Amino acid sequence: MIFSGRRARRMLFACMLTCASPVIAAPGTPVETVEISARPISQFHVGHDETRFGPLEFVGGLEMTSPARDFGALSAFRFLKPGGDFIGVADTGFWFFGTITHDAGKRPSGVSNFRMQQMVDASGRPIDRKWEVDAEGLAVKDGIATVGFERDQRVAQFKIDPNNMKAPVRQLDYLVPAEELRQNRGFETVAHADPYGQHEGGLVVVSERSLDTSGNVYAAVIEGSHKGVFTVRRDGGFDITDGAFLPDGDLLLLERSFSIARGVKMRLRRIYGESVEKGAVADGPVLMEADMGHQIDNMEGLDVWTRDDGALMVSLVSDDNHSILQRNLYLEFILHQD
């Protein structure tokens, strides 16, 4: 196979990471403990007490603020312990870790032990150029964090160490032709399928809005027995900002739209698992849609987890873009299967 110059450089760098002799890297960047103030959100629909929104039931949420300069821009997160300890990435090139706490009614009540660390290069030095560390998607499995980056398009893997995150240990071939990825519309979704489900634990990436000639969104299964490029049908002007697999093999996608007239909107769409397949156009129904009349902002991160009472949970976070006009939100829902 003949690769473009950019693709060839990416593959060469991947080989250097995986094949070269080990080198001793300089110490990583310091881990910063960050104070978080979290205001509880009791109503999802502002001024209304209903909790059901289609199959989703609002449990509660948090509006998070901090005096720390680097806090914010949260673009993806995954729980390391269901509903508790989490890892995440900011699109400004930071790792973050913390714990969501809950009250006696199982509602989110706060954020504890929040830490941030700047991403580093192969020499262990901090990376200050945003275009190199525009981290947007995240998946976690077996102590490895797989991150999707925009602008400098790549999918890289890191060993998870909350006390000292280092340079990537490997880069993956994301299969989608590099020239098809738009600079700021690359891989926002990185998700592992259930190892015992129809995709046999495959690793899936979905771009935000890199479109094929039919206007569908480029995506791929990049690891596992079902490897290959597919697309997701783009619908209604929404862009894809994150996703996670449900226990039944369907892919839950978080989507966002923005216009000056309407402001920000978000929705959740359930993509049928059988349509996540090489050469297919994946599609599925909208489960919920919300606008500025609801407690939303620039919703970018999603995870799915199971609560200790068996409830299937969906958690969302927003990216404030370090703007005083936007908010860092954490929202929690039960996804009812009836």
C-alpha atoms as a PDB file:
ATOM      1  CA  MET A   1       0.000   0.000   0.000  1.00  0.00           C
ATOM      2  CA  ILE A   2       1.318   3.455  -0.903  1.00  0.00           C
ATOM      3  CA  PHE A   3       0.723   6.118   1.743  1.00  0.00           C
ATOM      4  CA  SER A   4       0.594   9.877   1.308  1.00  0.00           C
ATOM      5  CA  GLY A   5       3.568  11.800   2.692  1.00  0.00           C
ATOM      6  CA  ARG A   6       1.655  12.721   5.839  1.00  0.00           C
ATOM      7  CA  ARG A   7       0.392   9.166   6.333  1.00  0.00           C
ATOM      8  CA  ALA A   8       3.880   7.764   5.766  1.00  0.00           C
ATOM      9  CA  ARG A   9       5.344  10.072   8.405  1.00  0.00           C
ATOM     10  CA  ARG A  10       2.669   8.983  10.855  1.00  0.00           C
ATOM     11  CA  MET A  11       3.373   5.290  10.219  1.00  0.00           C
ATOM     12  CA  LEU A  12       7.131   5.890  10.534  1.00  0.00           C
ATOM     13  CA  PHE A  13       6.632   7.622  13.882  1.00  0.00           C
ATOM     14  CA  ALA A  14       4.449   4.743  15.064  1.00  0.00           C
ATOM     15  CA  CYS A  15       7.220   2.313  14.160  1.00  0.00           C
ATOM     16  CA  MET A  16       9.761   4.431  16.010  1.00  0.00           C
ATOM     17  CA  LEU A  17       7.582   4.310  19.124  1.00  0.00           C
ATOM     18  CA  THR A  18       6.993   0.567  19.012  1.00  0.00           C
ATOM     19  CA  CYS A  19      10.192  -0.770  17.457  1.00  0.00           C
ATOM     20  CA  ALA A  20      13.043   1.442  18.635  1.00  0.00           C
ATOM     21  CA  SER A  21      15.179   0.640  21.638  1.00  0.00           C
ATOM     22  CA  PRO A  22      13.850   2.070  24.902  1.00  0.00           C
ATOM     23  CA  VAL A  23      15.095   5.515  25.874  1.00  0.00           C
ATOM     24  CA  ILE A  24      15.160   7.148  29.261  1.00  0.00           C
ATOM     25  CA  ALA A  25      12.763  10.092  29.182  1.00  0.00           C
ATOM     26  CA  ALA A  26      13.102  13.196  31.275  1.00  0.00           C
ATOM     27  CA  PRO A  27      10.761  13.496  34.257  1.00  0.00           C
ATOM     28  CA  GLY A  28       7.192  14.408  33.334  1.00  0.00           C
ATOM     29  CA  THR A  29       5.389  17.620  34.137  1.00  0.00           C
ATOM     30  CA  PRO A  30       4.182  18.208  37.699  1.00  0.00           C
ATOM     31  CA  VAL A  31       0.715  17.098  38.762  1.00  0.00           C
ATOM     32  CA  GLU A  32      -1.338  20.075  39.937  1.00  0.00           C
ATOM     33  CA  THR A  33      -3.993  19.588  42.607  1.00  0.00           C
ATOM     34  CA  VAL A  34      -6.968  21.762  41.675  1.00  0.00           C
ATOM     35  CA  GLU A  35      -9.718  23.061  43.932  1.00  0.00           C
ATOM     36  CA  ILE A  36     -13.156  22.514  42.390  1.00  0.00           C
ATOM     37  CA  SER A  37     -16.368  24.218  43.496  1.00  0.00           C
ATOM     38  CA  ALA A  38     -19.433  22.266  42.357  1.00  0.00           C
ATOM     39  CA  ARG A  39     -22.936  23.736  42.414  1.00  0.00           C
ATOM     40  CA  PRO A  40     -25.622  21.021  42.254  1.00  0.00           C
ATOM     41  CA  ILE A  41     -28.092  21.082  39.345  1.00  0.00           C
ATOM     42  CA  SER A  42     -31.486  19.654  40.308  1.00  0.00           C
ATOM     43  CA  GLN A  43     -33.485  20.508  37.157  1.00  0.00           C
ATOM     44  CA  PHE A  44     -32.401  19.594  33.647  1.00  0.00           C
ATOM     45  CA  HIS A  45     -35.258  21.517  31.969  1.00  0.00           C
ATOM     46  CA  VAL A  46     -34.869  24.987  33.478  1.00  0.00           C
ATOM     47  CA  GLY A  47     -37.904  25.930  35.576  1.00  0.00           C
ATOM     48  CA  HIS A  48     -39.513  22.494  35.262  1.00  0.00           C
ATOM     49  CA  ASP A  49     -39.499  19.501  37.588  1.00  0.00           C
ATOM     50  CA  GLU A  50     -39.923  16.640  35.105  1.00  0.00           C
ATOM     51  CA  THR A  51     -37.124  14.099  35.106  1.00  0.00           C
ATOM     52  CA  ARG A  52     -37.969  11.899  32.096  1.00  0.00           C
ATOM     53  CA  PHE A  53     -36.748  12.910  28.663  1.00  0.00           C
ATOM     54  CA  GLY A  54     -37.619  10.027  26.387  1.00  0.00           C
ATOM     55  CA  PRO A  55     -35.781   6.954  27.674  1.00  0.00           C
ATOM     56  CA  LEU A  56     -33.434   9.100  29.761  1.00  0.00           C
ATOM     57  CA  GLU A  57     -34.131  10.048  33.369  1.00  0.00           C
ATOM     58  CA  PHE A  58     -32.241  13.005  34.792  1.00  0.00           C
ATOM     59  CA  VAL A  59     -30.567  12.185  38.115  1.00  0.00           C
ATOM     60  CA  GLY A  60     -28.627  15.381  38.768  1.00  0.00           C
ATOM     61  CA  GLY A  61     -25.688  17.467  37.732  1.00  0.00           C
ATOM     62  CA  LEU A  62     -22.928  19.847  38.748  1.00  0.00           C
ATOM     63  CA  GLU A  63     -21.693  23.210  37.532  1.00  0.00           C
ATOM     64  CA  MET A  64     -17.953  23.199  38.162  1.00  0.00           C
ATOM     65  CA  THR A  65     -15.706  26.213  38.676  1.00  0.00           C
ATOM     66  CA  SER A  66     -12.123  26.645  39.838  1.00  0.00           C
ATOM     67  CA  PRO A  67      -9.629  29.470  40.428  1.00  0.00           C
ATOM     68  CA  ALA A  68      -6.984  27.392  38.615  1.00  0.00           C
ATOM     69  CA  ARG A  69      -5.995  28.982  35.310  1.00  0.00           C
ATOM     70  CA  ASP A  70      -5.777  25.717  33.370  1.00  0.00           C
ATOM     71  CA  PHE A  71      -9.056  24.199  34.559  1.00  0.00           C
ATOM     72  CA  GLY A  72     -11.632  23.831  31.783  1.00  0.00           C
ATOM     73  CA  ALA A  73     -11.720  22.803  28.124  1.00  0.00           C
ATOM     74  CA  LEU A  74     -12.761  19.295  29.230  1.00  0.00           C
ATOM     75  CA  SER A  75     -13.289  17.363  26.012  1.00  0.00           C
ATOM     76  CA  ALA A  76     -13.527  13.668  26.976  1.00  0.00           C
ATOM     77  CA  PHE A  77     -13.550  11.499  30.079  1.00  0.00           C
ATOM     78  CA  ARG A  78     -13.941   7.870  31.175  1.00  0.00           C
ATOM     79  CA  PHE A  79     -14.620   6.344  34.565  1.00  0.00           C
ATOM     80  CA  LEU A  80     -11.887   4.178  36.033  1.00  0.00           C
ATOM     81  CA  LYS A  81     -14.350   3.097  38.741  1.00  0.00           C
ATOM     82  CA  PRO A  82     -18.065   3.206  37.830  1.00  0.00           C
ATOM     83  CA  GLY A  83     -19.474   6.607  38.738  1.00  0.00           C
ATOM     84  CA  GLY A  84     -16.434   7.487  40.879  1.00  0.00           C
ATOM     85  CA  ASP A  85     -12.785   7.836  39.862  1.00  0.00           C
ATOM     86  CA  PHE A  86     -12.264   9.180  36.350  1.00  0.00           C
ATOM     87  CA  ILE A  87      -9.613  10.162  33.821  1.00  0.00           C
ATOM     88  CA  GLY A  88     -10.053  12.785  31.127  1.00  0.00           C
ATOM     89  CA  VAL A  89      -8.371  14.995  28.556  1.00  0.00           C
ATOM     90  CA  ALA A  90      -8.645  18.697  27.838  1.00  0.00           C
ATOM     91  CA  ASP A  91      -8.219  20.003  24.314  1.00  0.00           C
ATOM     92  CA  THR A  92      -5.563  22.387  25.622  1.00  0.00           C
ATOM     93  CA  GLY A  93      -3.226  19.426  26.198  1.00  0.00           C
ATOM     94  CA  PHE A  94      -3.913  18.386  29.786  1.00  0.00           C
ATOM     95  CA  TRP A  95      -4.772  15.147  31.535  1.00  0.00           C
ATOM     96  CA  PHE A  96      -7.203  15.362  34.410  1.00  0.00           C
ATOM     97  CA  PHE A  97      -8.164  12.945  37.177  1.00  0.00           C
ATOM     98  CA  GLY A  98     -10.701  13.108  39.990  1.00  0.00           C
ATOM     99  CA  THR A  99     -13.666  11.515  41.704  1.00  0.00           C
ATOM    100  CA  ILE A 100     -17.383  12.243  41.374  1.00  0.00           C
ATOM    101  CA  THR A 101     -19.076  12.026  44.773  1.00  0.00           C
ATOM    102  CA  HIS A 102     -22.752  11.213  45.355  1.00  0.00           C
ATOM    103  CA  ASP A 103     -25.224  11.897  48.152  1.00  0.00           C
ATOM    104  CA  ALA A 104     -27.515   9.410  49.902  1.00  0.00           C
ATOM    105  CA  GLY A 105     -30.025   9.737  47.052  1.00  0.00           C
ATOM    106  CA  LYS A 106     -27.372   8.691  44.490  1.00  0.00           C
ATOM    107  CA  ARG A 107     -27.282  12.217  43.034  1.00  0.00           C
ATOM    108  CA  PRO A 108     -23.902  13.758  42.080  1.00  0.00           C
ATOM    109  CA  SER A 109     -22.810  16.016  44.932  1.00  0.00           C
ATOM    110  CA  GLY A 110     -19.281  17.144  44.163  1.00  0.00           C
ATOM    111  CA  VAL A 111     -15.833  16.540  42.692  1.00  0.00           C
ATOM    112  CA  SER A 112     -12.944  15.515  44.916  1.00  0.00           C
ATOM    113  CA  ASN A 113      -9.212  14.908  44.486  1.00  0.00           C
ATOM    114  CA  PHE A 114      -9.070  16.734  41.146  1.00  0.00           C
ATOM    115  CA  ARG A 115      -5.620  16.860  39.529  1.00  0.00           C
ATOM    116  CA  MET A 116      -4.271  18.062  36.192  1.00  0.00           C
ATOM    117  CA  GLN A 117      -1.029  17.360  34.336  1.00  0.00           C
ATOM    118  CA  GLN A 118       0.247  18.800  31.085  1.00  0.00           C
ATOM    119  CA  MET A 119       0.891  16.378  28.223  1.00  0.00           C
ATOM    120  CA  VAL A 120       4.527  15.770  27.326  1.00  0.00           C
ATOM    121  CA  ASP A 121       6.601  14.876  24.283  1.00  0.00           C
ATOM    122  CA  ALA A 122       8.901  11.867  23.910  1.00  0.00           C
ATOM    123  CA  SER A 123      11.579  13.662  25.957  1.00  0.00           C
ATOM    124  CA  GLY A 124       9.182  14.294  28.832  1.00  0.00           C
ATOM    125  CA  ARG A 125       8.935  18.008  28.111  1.00  0.00           C
ATOM    126  CA  PRO A 126       5.583  19.831  28.216  1.00  0.00           C
ATOM    127  CA  ILE A 127       3.913  20.495  24.878  1.00  0.00           C
ATOM    128  CA  ASP A 128       2.678  24.093  24.668  1.00  0.00           C
ATOM    129  CA  ARG A 129       1.502  24.189  21.052  1.00  0.00           C
ATOM    130  CA  LYS A 130      -2.258  23.537  21.024  1.00  0.00           C
ATOM    131  CA  TRP A 131      -2.275  22.159  17.492  1.00  0.00           C
ATOM    132  CA  GLU A 132      -0.075  19.289  18.685  1.00  0.00           C
ATOM    133  CA  VAL A 133      -2.184  18.346  21.728  1.00  0.00           C
ATOM    134  CA  ASP A 134      -5.796  19.052  20.718  1.00  0.00           C
ATOM    135  CA  ALA A 135      -7.047  15.958  22.567  1.00  0.00           C
ATOM    136  CA  GLU A 136     -10.714  15.226  21.820  1.00  0.00           C
ATOM    137  CA  GLY A 137     -11.526  11.522  22.254  1.00  0.00           C
ATOM    138  CA  LEU A 138     -10.634   9.002  24.945  1.00  0.00           C
ATOM    139  CA  ALA A 139     -11.047   5.273  25.600  1.00  0.00           C
ATOM    140  CA  VAL A 140      -9.724   3.242  28.527  1.00  0.00           C
ATOM    141  CA  LYS A 141      -8.938  -0.477  28.744  1.00  0.00           C
ATOM    142  CA  ASP A 142      -6.476  -2.589  30.759  1.00  0.00           C
ATOM    143  CA  GLY A 143      -4.548   0.395  32.098  1.00  0.00           C
ATOM    144  CA  ILE A 144      -4.138   2.000  28.665  1.00  0.00           C
ATOM    145  CA  ALA A 145      -5.670   5.331  27.590  1.00  0.00           C
ATOM    146  CA  THR A 146      -6.278   5.688  23.849  1.00  0.00           C
ATOM    147  CA  VAL A 147      -6.600   9.320  22.774  1.00  0.00           C
ATOM    148  CA  GLY A 148      -7.822  10.854  19.527  1.00  0.00           C
ATOM    149  CA  PHE A 149      -6.177  14.156  18.550  1.00  0.00           C
ATOM    150  CA  GLU A 150      -7.366  16.755  16.030  1.00  0.00           C
ATOM    151  CA  ARG A 151      -5.317  19.207  13.925  1.00  0.00           C
ATOM    152  CA  ASP A 152      -2.198  16.994  14.143  1.00  0.00           C
ATOM    153  CA  GLN A 153      -4.433  13.997  13.425  1.00  0.00           C
ATOM    154  CA  ARG A 154      -3.483  10.841  15.291  1.00  0.00           C
ATOM    155  CA  VAL A 155      -4.677   8.145  17.674  1.00  0.00           C
ATOM    156  CA  ALA A 156      -2.138   7.436  20.420  1.00  0.00           C
ATOM    157  CA  GLN A 157      -1.955   5.136  23.436  1.00  0.00           C
ATOM    158  CA  PHE A 158      -0.604   5.980  26.905  1.00  0.00           C
ATOM    159  CA  LYS A 159      -0.018   3.995  30.085  1.00  0.00           C
ATOM    160  CA  ILE A 160      -2.319   5.331  32.786  1.00  0.00           C
ATOM    161  CA  ASP A 161      -0.426   6.654  35.805  1.00  0.00           C
ATOM    162  CA  PRO A 162      -2.376   9.382  37.651  1.00  0.00           C
ATOM    163  CA  ASN A 163       0.840  10.472  39.348  1.00  0.00           C
ATOM    164  CA  ASN A 164       2.965  10.794  36.209  1.00  0.00           C
ATOM    165  CA  MET A 165       1.484  10.525  32.729  1.00  0.00           C
ATOM    166  CA  LYS A 166       4.268  10.124  30.186  1.00  0.00           C
ATOM    167  CA  ALA A 167       4.632  10.229  26.398  1.00  0.00           C
ATOM    168  CA  PRO A 168       2.632   7.807  24.233  1.00  0.00           C
ATOM    169  CA  VAL A 169       3.815   4.221  24.047  1.00  0.00           C
ATOM    170  CA  ARG A 170       2.226   3.539  20.667  1.00  0.00           C
ATOM    171  CA  GLN A 171       0.396   5.171  17.798  1.00  0.00           C
ATOM    172  CA  LEU A 172      -2.355   3.376  15.897  1.00  0.00           C
ATOM    173  CA  ASP A 173      -3.224   3.283  12.227  1.00  0.00           C
ATOM    174  CA  TYR A 174      -6.663   4.918  12.143  1.00  0.00           C
ATOM    175  CA  LEU A 175      -7.415   3.512   8.632  1.00  0.00           C
ATOM    176  CA  VAL A 176      -9.332   6.567   7.402  1.00  0.00           C
ATOM    177  CA  PRO A 177      -7.261   8.265   4.658  1.00  0.00           C
ATOM    178  CA  ALA A 178      -5.472  11.195   6.308  1.00  0.00           C
ATOM    179  CA  GLU A 179      -6.480  13.574   3.527  1.00  0.00           C
ATOM    180  CA  GLU A 180     -10.145  12.949   4.375  1.00  0.00           C
ATOM    181  CA  LEU A 181      -9.806  14.293   7.930  1.00  0.00           C
ATOM    182  CA  ARG A 182     -10.661  17.970   8.348  1.00  0.00           C
ATOM    183  CA  GLN A 183      -8.184  19.881  10.490  1.00  0.00           C
ATOM    184  CA  ASN A 184     -10.557  20.705  13.361  1.00  0.00           C
ATOM    185  CA  ARG A 185     -13.115  17.952  12.678  1.00  0.00           C
ATOM    186  CA  GLY A 186     -11.115  14.820  13.433  1.00  0.00           C
ATOM    187  CA  PHE A 187     -11.625  11.936  15.865  1.00  0.00           C
ATOM    188  CA  GLU A 188     -13.838  13.059  18.736  1.00  0.00           C
ATOM    189  CA  THR A 189     -15.026   9.547  19.600  1.00  0.00           C
ATOM    190  CA  VAL A 190     -12.712   6.720  20.670  1.00  0.00           C
ATOM    191  CA  ALA A 191     -14.567   3.754  22.171  1.00  0.00           C
ATOM    192  CA  HIS A 192     -13.975   0.118  23.075  1.00  0.00           C
ATOM    193  CA  ALA A 193     -16.781  -2.337  22.333  1.00  0.00           C
ATOM    194  CA  ASP A 194     -17.781  -5.018  24.827  1.00  0.00           C
ATOM    195  CA  PRO A 195     -15.280  -7.915  24.522  1.00  0.00           C
ATOM    196  CA  TYR A 196     -18.145 -10.425  24.582  1.00  0.00           C
ATOM    197  CA  GLY A 197     -20.426  -8.516  22.193  1.00  0.00           C
ATOM    198  CA  GLN A 198     -20.846  -8.484  18.447  1.00  0.00           C
ATOM    199  CA  HIS A 199     -17.733  -6.336  17.904  1.00  0.00           C
ATOM    200  CA  GLU A 200     -15.562  -8.533  20.149  1.00  0.00           C
ATOM    201  CA  GLY A 201     -13.905  -5.655  21.975  1.00  0.00           C
ATOM    202  CA  GLY A 202     -12.978  -3.740  18.838  1.00  0.00           C
ATOM    203  CA  LEU A 203     -11.695  -0.177  19.063  1.00  0.00           C
ATOM    204  CA  VAL A 204     -13.848   2.319  17.157  1.00  0.00           C
ATOM    205  CA  VAL A 205     -13.078   5.913  16.162  1.00  0.00           C
ATOM    206  CA  VAL A 206     -15.616   8.398  14.819  1.00  0.00           C
ATOM    207  CA  SER A 207     -14.769  11.833  13.466  1.00  0.00           C
ATOM    208  CA  GLU A 208     -16.631  14.999  14.378  1.00  0.00           C
ATOM    209  CA  ARG A 209     -17.419  16.165  10.854  1.00  0.00           C
ATOM    210  CA  SER A 210     -15.021  14.738   8.291  1.00  0.00           C
ATOM    211  CA  LEU A 211     -17.450  13.897   5.508  1.00  0.00           C
ATOM    212  CA  ASP A 212     -17.360  11.591   2.514  1.00  0.00           C
ATOM    213  CA  THR A 213     -18.806  12.554  -0.870  1.00  0.00           C
ATOM    214  CA  SER A 214     -22.285  11.528   0.314  1.00  0.00           C
ATOM    215  CA  GLY A 215     -22.119  13.798   3.348  1.00  0.00           C
ATOM    216  CA  ASN A 216     -21.668  10.991   5.877  1.00  0.00           C
ATOM    217  CA  VAL A 217     -19.156  11.089   8.747  1.00  0.00           C
ATOM    218  CA  TYR A 218     -15.952   9.051   8.485  1.00  0.00           C
ATOM    219  CA  ALA A 219     -15.385   6.390  11.146  1.00  0.00           C
ATOM    220  CA  ALA A 220     -13.500   3.111  11.493  1.00  0.00           C
ATOM    221  CA  VAL A 221     -13.043  -0.022  13.538  1.00  0.00           C
ATOM    222  CA  ILE A 222      -9.272   0.183  13.946  1.00  0.00           C
ATOM    223  CA  GLU A 223      -8.623  -2.829  16.186  1.00  0.00           C
ATOM    224  CA  GLY A 224     -10.337  -6.203  16.398  1.00  0.00           C
ATOM    225  CA  SER A 225     -11.703  -8.790  14.001  1.00  0.00           C
ATOM    226  CA  HIS A 226     -14.071  -6.329  12.275  1.00  0.00           C
ATOM    227  CA  LYS A 227     -11.412  -3.813  11.164  1.00  0.00           C
ATOM    228  CA  GLY A 228     -12.422  -1.429   8.408  1.00  0.00           C
ATOM    229  CA  VAL A 229     -13.717   2.011   7.496  1.00  0.00           C
ATOM    230  CA  PHE A 230     -17.415   2.846   7.768  1.00  0.00           C
ATOM    231  CA  THR A 231     -19.435   6.058   7.984  1.00  0.00           C
ATOM    232  CA  VAL A 232     -22.154   7.458  10.229  1.00  0.00           C
ATOM    233  CA  ARG A 233     -25.124   9.189   8.656  1.00  0.00           C
ATOM    234  CA  ARG A 234     -25.018  12.902   9.460  1.00  0.00           C
ATOM    235  CA  ASP A 235     -28.417  14.209  10.393  1.00  0.00           C
ATOM    236  CA  GLY A 236     -29.881  17.650  11.037  1.00  0.00           C
ATOM    237  CA  GLY A 237     -26.684  19.688  11.146  1.00  0.00           C
ATOM    238  CA  PHE A 238     -25.380  17.980  14.306  1.00  0.00           C
ATOM    239  CA  ASP A 239     -21.698  17.125  14.785  1.00  0.00           C
ATOM    240  CA  ILE A 240     -20.462  14.122  16.767  1.00  0.00           C
ATOM    241  CA  THR A 241     -18.548  14.965  19.954  1.00  0.00           C
ATOM    242  CA  ASP A 242     -18.233  11.619  21.787  1.00  0.00           C
ATOM    243  CA  GLY A 243     -19.605   8.111  22.088  1.00  0.00           C
ATOM    244  CA  ALA A 244     -19.571   4.879  24.069  1.00  0.00           C
ATOM    245  CA  PHE A 245     -20.856   1.372  23.502  1.00  0.00           C
ATOM    246  CA  LEU A 246     -23.928   0.139  25.344  1.00  0.00           C
ATOM    247  CA  PRO A 247     -24.023  -3.383  26.823  1.00  0.00           C
ATOM    248  CA  ASP A 248     -26.212  -4.630  23.945  1.00  0.00           C
ATOM    249  CA  GLY A 249     -23.623  -3.594  21.324  1.00  0.00           C
ATOM    250  CA  ASP A 250     -25.273  -0.372  20.151  1.00  0.00           C
ATOM    251  CA  LEU A 251     -23.146   2.788  20.018  1.00  0.00           C
ATOM    252  CA  LEU A 252     -24.449   5.807  21.941  1.00  0.00           C
ATOM    253  CA  LEU A 253     -23.309   9.066  20.321  1.00  0.00           C
ATOM    254  CA  LEU A 254     -23.288  12.548  21.826  1.00  0.00           C
ATOM    255  CA  GLU A 255     -23.952  15.226  19.195  1.00  0.00           C
ATOM    256  CA  ARG A 256     -23.907  19.022  19.197  1.00  0.00           C
ATOM    257  CA  SER A 257     -25.040  21.873  16.971  1.00  0.00           C
ATOM    258  CA  PHE A 258     -24.608  25.631  17.188  1.00  0.00           C
ATOM    259  CA  SER A 259     -26.037  28.666  15.433  1.00  0.00           C
ATOM    260  CA  ILE A 260     -26.160  32.353  16.341  1.00  0.00           C
ATOM    261  CA  ALA A 261     -29.953  32.301  16.142  1.00  0.00           C
ATOM    262  CA  ARG A 262     -30.632  29.135  18.189  1.00  0.00           C
ATOM    263  CA  GLY A 263     -27.536  28.870  20.350  1.00  0.00           C
ATOM    264  CA  VAL A 264     -26.210  25.469  21.401  1.00  0.00           C
ATOM    265  CA  LYS A 265     -28.168  22.218  21.124  1.00  0.00           C
ATOM    266  CA  MET A 266     -27.240  18.675  22.076  1.00  0.00           C
ATOM    267  CA  ARG A 267     -28.685  15.263  21.463  1.00  0.00           C
ATOM    268  CA  LEU A 268     -28.058  11.599  22.125  1.00  0.00           C
ATOM    269  CA  ARG A 269     -28.397   9.138  19.249  1.00  0.00           C
ATOM    270  CA  ARG A 270     -28.367   5.354  19.494  1.00  0.00           C
ATOM    271  CA  ILE A 271     -26.516   3.818  16.550  1.00  0.00           C
ATOM    272  CA  TYR A 272     -27.527   0.235  15.817  1.00  0.00           C
ATOM    273  CA  GLY A 273     -24.596  -2.049  16.546  1.00  0.00           C
ATOM    274  CA  GLU A 274     -25.108  -4.168  13.435  1.00  0.00           C
ATOM    275  CA  SER A 275     -24.599  -1.044  11.288  1.00  0.00           C
ATOM    276  CA  VAL A 276     -21.139  -0.437  12.779  1.00  0.00           C
ATOM    277  CA  GLU A 277     -19.433  -2.511  10.129  1.00  0.00           C
ATOM    278  CA  LYS A 278     -16.829  -2.105   7.391  1.00  0.00           C
ATOM    279  CA  GLY A 279     -18.315  -0.352   4.355  1.00  0.00           C
ATOM    280  CA  ALA A 280     -21.673   0.336   6.052  1.00  0.00           C
ATOM    281  CA  VAL A 281     -23.472   3.616   6.768  1.00  0.00           C
ATOM    282  CA  ALA A 282     -24.263   3.427  10.498  1.00  0.00           C
ATOM    283  CA  ASP A 283     -27.486   5.003  11.720  1.00  0.00           C
ATOM    284  CA  GLY A 284     -30.051   4.900  14.489  1.00  0.00           C
ATOM    285  CA  PRO A 285     -32.722   6.852  16.379  1.00  0.00           C
ATOM    286  CA  VAL A 286     -32.434  10.049  18.411  1.00  0.00           C
ATOM    287  CA  LEU A 287     -33.085   9.324  22.089  1.00  0.00           C
ATOM    288  CA  MET A 288     -33.068  12.878  23.431  1.00  0.00           C
ATOM    289  CA  GLU A 289     -32.560  16.430  22.219  1.00  0.00           C
ATOM    290  CA  ALA A 290     -32.026  19.522  24.361  1.00  0.00           C
ATOM    291  CA  ASP A 291     -31.537  23.238  23.753  1.00  0.00           C
ATOM    292  CA  MET A 292     -30.686  26.354  25.741  1.00  0.00           C
ATOM    293  CA  GLY A 293     -33.863  25.909  27.765  1.00  0.00           C
ATOM    294  CA  HIS A 294     -32.054  23.002  29.403  1.00  0.00           C
ATOM    295  CA  GLN A 295     -28.932  22.802  31.548  1.00  0.00           C
ATOM    296  CA  ILE A 296     -26.501  22.251  28.688  1.00  0.00           C
ATOM    297  CA  ASP A 297     -23.491  23.968  27.224  1.00  0.00           C
ATOM    298  CA  ASN A 298     -20.866  22.828  24.717  1.00  0.00           C
ATOM    299  CA  MET A 299     -21.390  19.125  25.506  1.00  0.00           C
ATOM    300  CA  GLU A 300     -18.300  17.163  24.468  1.00  0.00           C
ATOM    301  CA  GLY A 301     -17.704  14.192  26.771  1.00  0.00           C
ATOM    302  CA  LEU A 302     -19.745  11.057  27.454  1.00  0.00           C
ATOM    303  CA  ASP A 303     -19.383   7.800  29.342  1.00  0.00           C
ATOM    304  CA  VAL A 304     -21.695   4.852  30.027  1.00  0.00           C
ATOM    305  CA  TRP A 305     -21.482   2.887  33.279  1.00  0.00           C
ATOM    306  CA  THR A 306     -23.542   0.633  35.540  1.00  0.00           C
ATOM    307  CA  ARG A 307     -24.579   1.862  38.987  1.00  0.00           C
ATOM    308  CA  ASP A 308     -24.350  -0.405  42.032  1.00  0.00           C
ATOM    309  CA  ASP A 309     -28.120  -0.983  41.883  1.00  0.00           C
ATOM    310  CA  GLY A 310     -27.915  -2.165  38.267  1.00  0.00           C
ATOM    311  CA  ALA A 311     -29.097   1.081  36.617  1.00  0.00           C
ATOM    312  CA  LEU A 312     -27.477   1.844  33.247  1.00  0.00           C
ATOM    313  CA  MET A 313     -26.032   5.345  33.559  1.00  0.00           C
ATOM    314  CA  VAL A 314     -25.005   8.002  31.045  1.00  0.00           C
ATOM    315  CA  SER A 315     -22.719  10.830  32.171  1.00  0.00           C
ATOM    316  CA  LEU A 316     -21.911  13.957  30.148  1.00  0.00           C
ATOM    317  CA  VAL A 317     -19.407  16.799  30.512  1.00  0.00           C
ATOM    318  CA  SER A 318     -19.106  20.132  28.714  1.00  0.00           C
ATOM    319  CA  ASP A 319     -16.131  22.085  27.376  1.00  0.00           C
ATOM    320  CA  ASP A 320     -16.201  25.768  28.368  1.00  0.00           C
ATOM    321  CA  ASN A 321     -13.474  26.756  25.869  1.00  0.00           C
ATOM    322  CA  HIS A 322     -12.007  28.837  28.730  1.00  0.00           C
ATOM    323  CA  SER A 323     -14.742  31.404  28.040  1.00  0.00           C
ATOM    324  CA  ILE A 324     -16.519  33.400  30.745  1.00  0.00           C
ATOM    325  CA  LEU A 325     -19.698  32.934  28.698  1.00  0.00           C
ATOM    326  CA  GLN A 326     -19.629  29.139  28.968  1.00  0.00           C
ATOM    327  CA  ARG A 327     -19.771  26.573  31.770  1.00  0.00           C
ATOM    328  CA  ASN A 328     -18.149  23.307  32.815  1.00  0.00           C
ATOM    329  CA  LEU A 329     -21.050  20.935  33.470  1.00  0.00           C
ATOM    330  CA  TYR A 330     -21.356  17.344  34.643  1.00  0.00           C
ATOM    331  CA  LEU A 331     -24.753  15.682  34.016  1.00  0.00           C
ATOM    332  CA  GLU A 332     -26.023  12.236  34.989  1.00  0.00           C
ATOM    333  CA  PHE A 333     -28.925  10.236  33.513  1.00  0.00           C
ATOM    334  CA  ILE A 334     -30.411   6.758  33.821  1.00  0.00           C
ATOM    335  CA  LEU A 335     -30.922   5.145  30.415  1.00  0.00           C
ATOM    336  CA  HIS A 336     -34.082   3.071  30.621  1.00  0.00           C
ATOM    337  CA  GLN A 337     -34.188   0.071  28.291  1.00  0.00           C
ATOM    338  CA  ASP A 338     -38.005  -0.361  28.273  1.00  0.00           C
END
